Amino acid sequence: MSRFSLSIAAAVAALLCGVIFVTTFERPPVLSSQGGFRGLSMGDVQNPRTIPARLAANQVPEAPEAAETDGPKAHETYENVQVLRDLSAAQFNRLMIVMTEWIAPNQGCGYCHNVENMASDEVYTKVVARRMLQMTHKINSEWATHVGQTGVTCYTCHRGNAVPTMVWSTEPNSRAGLQAPRGQNHPASSVGESSLPSDPFTPFLLGDAEIRNISTTSLPGRNSQSIMTTEWTYGLMMHISTSLGVNCTHCHNSRSFAEWRTQSPPAQTTAWYGIRMVRDINMSYIEPLKPLWAQNPNGPAEGPHGPRLGAMGDALKVNCATCHQGVNRPLNGAPMLRDFPELKQVNQGPLRSADATPR
């Protein structure tokens, strides 16, 4: 090979190294704040150049003026009101208006209703909306261990979209992983562009597989953990880190990952409850609605049209990114629930079938 060819090859190699360095490392300066025990490098690291965009993407809409709680109840004023029956008519109308803005601002009432007969259940999204209201009530009333007093509203996930932008579905052959020719998984955005199994959600956020990669014993033949389970666990951890915009030490004391109950920050306990809350949402509310989405795989006739099922025919489910969307506290911690007390009065009783007599 000539000296000129060698020079060209060296220049190309240097260029590739430069591209790899620039695209895989954060350039200084970075912001670091102590989040755990002193002396253990348990700080949160933030890139100040990305903070303004994340803050702007997590603003909340202005709440309308509070509604009167007196007067006739919603179920006395309108037909076939099931889960919001105990609201005053004024509260009911206020919530309907904001739900339209939160979920289907371009479609309006027709996204969930036959506007010629508002009592009808013929538009399937009306049935879905009832269950989502019950889900929201359960999160706020029974999962305060994760959401605290801040709570959630429909806007926390939807943000003006009929289907939340951050959802997931089971990938084909996801248990085996998507393999490159040399056996390493392809980088995937779902796990922070790392070469880890790209669907850690099915085993951990739909199923209840144990999230652990450190054995409790070193004795031969008794170590239930493996490189495979470690990769799945790390894939979930990369997802959580990316979804919340934090690094590992936000939740973990890296000197002892296994002893998290006594040596890690409170955030790890909050995350522990959050994982179980997401499982509850997916199993109790999302999966049971799959038959409705299977009958309407592209959405209601009035739109917006788009897939309601994944490649394997399963429902589009939630994960940490669905609510957090890049920030530690969804919507920068804005207490939206405080402005919408109507969501605390959702009836949790069983829903009547769509062909039940309206009342």
Protein backbone atom coordinates (compact mmCIF):
# COMPACT_ATOMS: atom_id res chain seq x y z
CA MET A 1 0.00 0.00 0.00
CA SER A 2 1.36 3.41 -0.95
CA ARG A 3 2.18 6.13 1.55
CA PHE A 4 -0.65 8.21 0.07
CA SER A 5 -3.15 5.37 0.62
CA LEU A 6 -1.95 4.97 4.19
CA SER A 7 -2.45 8.68 4.78
CA ILE A 8 -5.99 8.49 3.41
CA ALA A 9 -6.76 5.48 5.59
CA ALA A 10 -5.37 7.23 8.66
CA ALA A 11 -7.42 10.34 7.92
CA VAL A 12 -10.62 8.29 7.53
CA ALA A 13 -9.89 6.42 10.77
CA ALA A 14 -9.29 9.70 12.60
CA LEU A 15 -12.53 11.11 11.21
CA LEU A 16 -14.48 8.05 12.34
CA CYS A 17 -12.94 8.25 15.80
CA GLY A 18 -13.88 11.91 15.98
CA VAL A 19 -17.49 11.18 15.00
CA ILE A 20 -17.72 8.39 17.58
CA PHE A 21 -16.25 10.63 20.28
CA VAL A 22 -18.51 13.60 19.51
CA THR A 23 -21.73 11.55 19.27
CA THR A 24 -21.20 9.32 22.31
CA PHE A 25 -19.88 11.71 24.95
CA GLU A 26 -21.35 14.80 26.58
CA ARG A 27 -19.19 17.82 25.97
CA PRO A 28 -18.58 20.00 29.03
CA PRO A 29 -19.75 21.78 30.99
CA VAL A 30 -22.27 19.55 32.79
CA LEU A 31 -24.27 20.22 35.94
CA SER A 32 -23.86 17.87 38.88
CA SER A 33 -25.82 17.94 42.14
CA GLN A 34 -25.36 15.72 45.16
CA GLY A 35 -28.31 13.35 45.49
CA GLY A 36 -27.15 10.70 47.93
CA PHE A 37 -24.58 9.98 50.60
CA ARG A 38 -21.59 12.31 50.62
CA GLY A 39 -18.31 10.99 49.28
CA LEU A 40 -19.90 8.28 47.14
CA SER A 41 -20.29 10.19 43.85
CA MET A 42 -24.07 9.83 44.01
CA GLY A 43 -24.80 12.98 42.08
CA ASP A 44 -27.34 13.74 39.38
CA VAL A 45 -25.60 14.82 36.16
CA GLN A 46 -27.49 17.07 33.75
CA ASN A 47 -26.60 18.55 30.37
CA PRO A 48 -27.50 22.25 30.62
CA ARG A 49 -27.94 22.46 26.85
CA THR A 50 -30.89 20.03 26.90
CA ILE A 51 -32.69 21.40 29.96
CA PRO A 52 -34.60 24.27 28.25
CA ALA A 53 -36.08 21.93 25.62
CA ARG A 54 -37.18 19.40 28.23
CA LEU A 55 -38.73 22.09 30.39
CA ALA A 56 -40.61 23.53 27.42
CA ALA A 57 -41.92 20.08 26.44
CA ASN A 58 -43.35 19.50 29.92
CA GLN A 59 -45.53 22.57 30.43
CA VAL A 60 -49.16 22.21 31.51
CA PRO A 61 -52.16 23.98 29.95
CA GLU A 62 -53.92 26.63 31.96
CA ALA A 63 -56.79 25.23 34.02
CA PRO A 64 -60.26 26.72 33.38
CA GLU A 65 -62.17 28.37 36.19
CA ALA A 66 -63.44 25.94 38.82
CA ALA A 67 -67.02 24.73 38.39
CA GLU A 68 -69.85 24.99 40.91
CA THR A 69 -70.32 21.85 42.97
CA ASP A 70 -73.97 22.61 43.79
CA GLY A 71 -76.99 21.93 41.62
CA PRO A 72 -78.25 18.83 39.83
CA LYS A 73 -75.98 15.84 39.53
CA ALA A 74 -74.64 14.77 36.15
CA HIS A 75 -76.66 11.55 36.10
CA GLU A 76 -79.81 13.53 36.84
CA THR A 77 -79.15 15.92 33.96
CA TYR A 78 -77.78 13.62 31.26
CA GLU A 79 -78.48 10.05 30.15
CA ASN A 80 -76.11 7.11 30.56
CA VAL A 81 -73.58 8.84 32.82
CA GLN A 82 -71.81 6.04 34.66
CA VAL A 83 -68.41 6.89 36.14
CA LEU A 84 -68.94 10.66 36.57
CA ARG A 85 -72.50 10.40 37.85
CA ASP A 86 -71.84 12.08 41.21
CA LEU A 87 -70.35 15.26 39.77
CA SER A 88 -72.50 18.33 39.51
CA ALA A 89 -73.62 19.04 35.95
CA ALA A 90 -71.25 22.02 35.88
CA GLN A 91 -68.29 19.88 36.99
CA PHE A 92 -69.20 17.23 34.44
CA ASN A 93 -69.23 19.73 31.57
CA ARG A 94 -65.95 21.28 32.71
CA LEU A 95 -64.24 17.90 32.74
CA MET A 96 -65.65 16.96 29.34
CA ILE A 97 -64.26 20.19 27.87
CA VAL A 98 -60.74 19.68 29.25
CA MET A 99 -60.67 15.99 28.35
CA THR A 100 -61.42 16.96 24.76
CA GLU A 101 -58.49 19.40 24.81
CA TRP A 102 -56.21 16.87 26.51
CA ILE A 103 -56.96 13.95 24.19
CA ALA A 104 -58.65 14.94 20.92
CA PRO A 105 -58.45 18.72 20.41
CA ASN A 106 -58.93 18.45 16.63
CA GLN A 107 -61.76 15.91 16.68
CA GLY A 108 -63.82 17.40 19.49
CA CYS A 109 -66.74 15.59 21.09
CA GLY A 110 -67.11 13.30 18.07
CA TYR A 111 -63.98 11.40 19.05
CA CYS A 112 -65.91 9.62 21.81
CA HIS A 113 -69.55 10.44 21.09
CA ASN A 114 -72.19 10.13 18.44
CA VAL A 115 -72.94 13.85 18.48
CA GLU A 116 -76.53 13.14 17.35
CA ASN A 117 -77.07 10.96 20.43
CA MET A 118 -74.58 11.77 23.18
CA ALA A 119 -76.00 9.03 25.46
CA SER A 120 -75.10 6.29 22.97
CA ASP A 121 -72.11 4.00 23.57
CA GLU A 122 -71.72 3.10 19.90
CA VAL A 123 -68.35 4.89 19.59
CA TYR A 124 -65.94 2.51 21.29
CA THR A 125 -63.66 5.27 22.58
CA LYS A 126 -66.40 6.30 25.02
CA VAL A 127 -66.14 2.89 26.70
CA VAL A 128 -62.34 3.18 26.72
CA ALA A 129 -62.55 6.66 28.26
CA ARG A 130 -64.65 5.35 31.15
CA ARG A 131 -62.02 2.75 32.01
CA MET A 132 -59.23 5.31 31.67
CA LEU A 133 -61.03 7.58 34.12
CA GLN A 134 -61.29 4.68 36.56
CA MET A 135 -57.60 3.95 36.01
CA THR A 136 -56.67 7.57 36.73
CA HIS A 137 -58.72 7.49 39.92
CA LYS A 138 -57.00 4.30 41.06
CA ILE A 139 -53.53 5.72 40.41
CA ASN A 140 -54.31 8.82 42.45
CA SER A 141 -56.02 6.99 45.29
CA GLU A 142 -54.05 3.73 45.59
CA TRP A 143 -50.61 4.49 44.15
CA ALA A 144 -49.65 7.55 46.18
CA THR A 145 -46.49 5.60 47.04
CA HIS A 146 -45.37 6.53 43.53
CA VAL A 147 -47.31 9.62 42.41
CA GLY A 148 -47.51 11.25 45.86
CA GLN A 149 -49.97 14.10 46.21
CA THR A 150 -49.07 15.47 42.76
CA GLY A 151 -51.20 12.83 41.10
CA VAL A 152 -51.94 12.35 37.41
CA THR A 153 -54.58 13.48 34.93
CA CYS A 154 -55.38 12.38 31.37
CA TYR A 155 -52.97 15.07 30.17
CA THR A 156 -50.02 13.48 31.98
CA CYS A 157 -49.88 10.80 29.28
CA HIS A 158 -51.92 12.12 26.33
CA ARG A 159 -50.76 15.74 26.01
CA GLY A 160 -53.12 16.51 23.13
CA ASN A 161 -52.77 13.11 21.44
CA ALA A 162 -55.49 10.48 21.07
CA VAL A 163 -52.84 7.81 21.70
CA PRO A 164 -49.96 8.77 24.02
CA THR A 165 -46.75 9.21 22.04
CA MET A 166 -44.69 7.08 24.43
CA VAL A 167 -46.13 3.55 24.34
CA TRP A 168 -44.78 0.08 23.62
CA SER A 169 -45.85 -3.31 22.33
CA THR A 170 -44.21 -6.71 22.36
CA GLU A 171 -41.68 -7.16 19.58
CA PRO A 172 -41.57 -10.29 17.43
CA ASN A 173 -39.17 -12.83 18.95
CA SER A 174 -38.27 -10.29 21.65
CA ARG A 175 -37.35 -13.01 24.14
CA ALA A 176 -34.48 -14.05 21.91
CA GLY A 177 -33.45 -10.46 21.24
CA LEU A 178 -32.65 -8.85 17.90
CA GLN A 179 -29.31 -10.37 17.05
CA ALA A 180 -26.52 -8.95 14.94
CA PRO A 181 -24.34 -11.37 12.93
CA ARG A 182 -21.88 -11.72 15.81
CA GLY A 183 -24.58 -12.38 18.37
CA GLN A 184 -24.74 -8.95 19.96
CA ASN A 185 -28.06 -7.14 20.14
CA HIS A 186 -28.59 -4.19 17.86
CA PRO A 187 -28.66 -0.80 19.66
CA ALA A 188 -32.23 0.30 20.33
CA SER A 189 -33.77 3.58 21.48
CA SER A 190 -35.94 1.67 23.96
CA VAL A 191 -32.83 0.90 26.02
CA GLY A 192 -30.95 4.17 25.59
CA GLU A 193 -29.31 3.13 22.30
CA SER A 194 -27.38 0.42 24.14
CA SER A 195 -26.77 -3.07 22.77
CA LEU A 196 -29.12 -4.72 25.24
CA PRO A 197 -32.36 -6.69 24.67
CA SER A 198 -34.64 -4.10 23.13
CA ASP A 199 -37.86 -5.21 24.83
CA PRO A 200 -37.37 -5.38 28.60
CA PHE A 201 -40.99 -4.31 29.03
CA THR A 202 -42.73 -7.62 28.33
CA PRO A 203 -41.04 -9.55 31.18
CA PHE A 204 -40.92 -6.70 33.69
CA LEU A 205 -43.77 -4.25 32.97
CA LEU A 206 -46.34 -6.74 31.72
CA GLY A 207 -45.10 -9.84 33.53
CA ASP A 208 -43.66 -9.88 37.03
CA ALA A 209 -40.21 -11.35 36.35
CA GLU A 210 -37.77 -10.70 39.16
CA ILE A 211 -35.63 -7.62 38.56
CA ARG A 212 -32.25 -8.70 39.91
CA ASN A 213 -28.77 -9.30 38.56
CA ILE A 214 -26.79 -9.93 41.75
CA SER A 215 -26.93 -13.34 43.31
CA THR A 216 -27.54 -13.74 47.03
CA THR A 217 -25.01 -16.56 47.21
CA SER A 218 -21.68 -17.50 45.62
CA LEU A 219 -22.13 -21.24 46.09
CA PRO A 220 -21.84 -23.31 42.90
CA GLY A 221 -25.13 -24.40 41.40
CA ARG A 222 -27.19 -21.98 43.47
CA ASN A 223 -26.74 -18.74 41.54
CA SER A 224 -30.07 -18.11 39.84
CA GLN A 225 -28.77 -15.02 38.04
CA SER A 226 -27.06 -15.16 34.66
CA ILE A 227 -25.62 -12.91 32.00
CA MET A 228 -28.95 -13.14 30.17
CA THR A 229 -31.03 -11.99 33.14
CA THR A 230 -28.45 -9.28 33.81
CA GLU A 231 -28.82 -7.95 30.26
CA TRP A 232 -32.63 -7.86 30.57
CA THR A 233 -32.36 -6.05 33.91
CA TYR A 234 -29.87 -3.53 32.56
CA GLY A 235 -32.13 -2.93 29.57
CA LEU A 236 -34.96 -1.93 31.92
CA MET A 237 -32.61 0.27 33.94
CA MET A 238 -31.43 2.06 30.78
CA HIS A 239 -35.07 2.69 29.88
CA ILE A 240 -35.82 4.15 33.30
CA SER A 241 -32.71 6.33 33.21
CA THR A 242 -33.54 7.71 29.77
CA SER A 243 -37.23 8.19 30.56
CA LEU A 244 -36.52 10.22 33.70
CA GLY A 245 -33.47 12.06 32.37
CA VAL A 246 -31.30 10.87 35.27
CA ASN A 247 -28.25 8.71 35.79
CA CYS A 248 -27.97 5.47 37.76
CA THR A 249 -27.08 7.09 41.09
CA HIS A 250 -30.38 8.92 41.18
CA CYS A 251 -31.81 5.68 42.59
CA HIS A 252 -28.80 3.49 43.36
CA ASN A 253 -25.84 3.50 45.69
CA SER A 254 -23.29 1.99 43.32
CA ARG A 255 -21.15 0.64 46.16
CA SER A 256 -23.89 -1.88 46.92
CA PHE A 257 -26.65 -2.26 44.35
CA ALA A 258 -28.12 -5.30 46.12
CA GLU A 259 -28.54 -3.60 49.52
CA TRP A 260 -30.80 -0.86 48.22
CA ARG A 261 -33.28 -0.81 51.11
CA THR A 262 -30.77 0.61 53.57
CA GLN A 263 -28.05 2.17 51.43
CA SER A 264 -29.81 3.80 48.47
CA PRO A 265 -31.75 7.09 48.13
CA PRO A 266 -35.55 7.18 48.64
CA ALA A 267 -35.94 7.46 44.87
CA GLN A 268 -35.31 3.73 44.54
CA THR A 269 -38.31 2.94 46.73
CA THR A 270 -40.42 5.32 44.64
CA ALA A 271 -39.24 3.54 41.48
CA TRP A 272 -40.00 0.13 43.02
CA TYR A 273 -43.61 1.16 43.51
CA GLY A 274 -43.68 2.76 40.06
CA ILE A 275 -42.75 -0.50 38.35
CA ARG A 276 -45.58 -2.29 40.14
CA MET A 277 -47.98 0.52 39.35
CA VAL A 278 -47.17 0.21 35.63
CA ARG A 279 -47.75 -3.55 35.80
CA ASP A 280 -51.13 -2.91 37.41
CA ILE A 281 -52.08 -0.38 34.71
CA ASN A 282 -51.09 -2.71 31.87
CA MET A 283 -52.70 -5.84 33.29
CA SER A 284 -55.84 -4.37 34.89
CA TYR A 285 -56.76 -1.65 32.40
CA ILE A 286 -54.86 -1.80 29.10
CA GLU A 287 -54.84 -5.50 28.25
CA PRO A 288 -58.56 -6.09 29.05
CA LEU A 289 -59.47 -3.43 26.47
CA LYS A 290 -57.63 -5.23 23.67
CA PRO A 291 -60.84 -6.67 22.13
CA LEU A 292 -62.14 -3.14 21.55
CA TRP A 293 -58.91 -2.08 19.88
CA ALA A 294 -58.84 -5.29 17.84
CA GLN A 295 -62.29 -4.38 16.47
CA ASN A 296 -61.04 -0.86 15.70
CA PRO A 297 -57.33 -1.32 14.86
CA ASN A 298 -57.00 2.12 13.24
CA GLY A 299 -59.12 4.13 15.65
CA PRO A 300 -62.67 5.51 15.46
CA ALA A 301 -64.29 6.56 12.21
CA GLU A 302 -63.91 10.24 13.10
CA GLY A 303 -60.16 9.77 13.55
CA PRO A 304 -57.41 10.40 14.17
CA HIS A 305 -56.47 7.20 12.40
CA GLY A 306 -53.41 5.24 13.47
CA PRO A 307 -52.46 1.85 14.89
CA ARG A 308 -54.05 0.82 18.19
CA LEU A 309 -52.23 -2.54 18.29
CA GLY A 310 -48.60 -3.58 18.07
CA ALA A 311 -46.91 -5.85 15.53
CA MET A 312 -47.89 -8.94 17.54
CA GLY A 313 -51.53 -7.86 17.83
CA ASP A 314 -51.18 -6.81 21.46
CA ALA A 315 -52.37 -3.53 22.95
CA LEU A 316 -50.14 -0.46 23.06
CA LYS A 317 -49.08 -0.35 26.70
CA VAL A 318 -47.46 2.11 29.08
CA ASN A 319 -43.96 2.31 30.49
CA CYS A 320 -42.00 4.92 32.44
CA ALA A 321 -41.61 7.22 29.43
CA THR A 322 -45.38 7.44 28.92
CA CYS A 323 -45.68 9.82 31.87
CA HIS A 324 -42.15 11.08 32.51
CA GLN A 325 -41.08 11.96 28.95
CA GLY A 326 -37.51 12.87 29.88
CA VAL A 327 -37.98 14.51 33.28
CA ASN A 328 -37.70 13.12 36.78
CA ARG A 329 -41.16 14.39 37.76
CA PRO A 330 -43.80 14.30 35.00
CA LEU A 331 -44.72 17.76 33.71
CA ASN A 332 -41.95 19.17 35.94
CA GLY A 333 -43.96 18.22 39.01
CA ALA A 334 -46.93 20.47 38.22
CA PRO A 335 -49.80 19.44 40.57
CA MET A 336 -52.50 19.27 37.88
CA LEU A 337 -54.74 17.04 40.01
CA ARG A 338 -55.20 19.92 42.45
CA ASP A 339 -56.97 21.90 39.71
CA PHE A 340 -59.26 19.02 38.73
CA PRO A 341 -61.00 17.64 41.83
CA GLU A 342 -63.54 16.03 39.49
CA LEU A 343 -61.04 13.21 38.89
CA LYS A 344 -61.26 12.28 42.57
CA GLN A 345 -64.99 11.54 42.24
CA VAL A 346 -64.90 8.84 39.60
CA ASN A 347 -67.23 5.94 40.31
CA GLN A 348 -65.22 2.71 40.48
CA GLY A 349 -68.22 0.40 40.15
CA PRO A 350 -68.63 -2.00 37.21
CA LEU A 351 -69.62 -0.50 33.89
CA ARG A 352 -72.92 -1.40 32.28
CA SER A 353 -72.76 -2.96 28.84
CA ALA A 354 -73.06 -0.63 25.89
CA ASP A 355 -76.56 -1.87 25.10
CA ALA A 356 -77.84 -1.25 28.63
CA THR A 357 -80.82 1.03 28.96
CA PRO A 358 -79.52 4.62 29.26
CA ARG A 359 -80.40 6.47 32.43
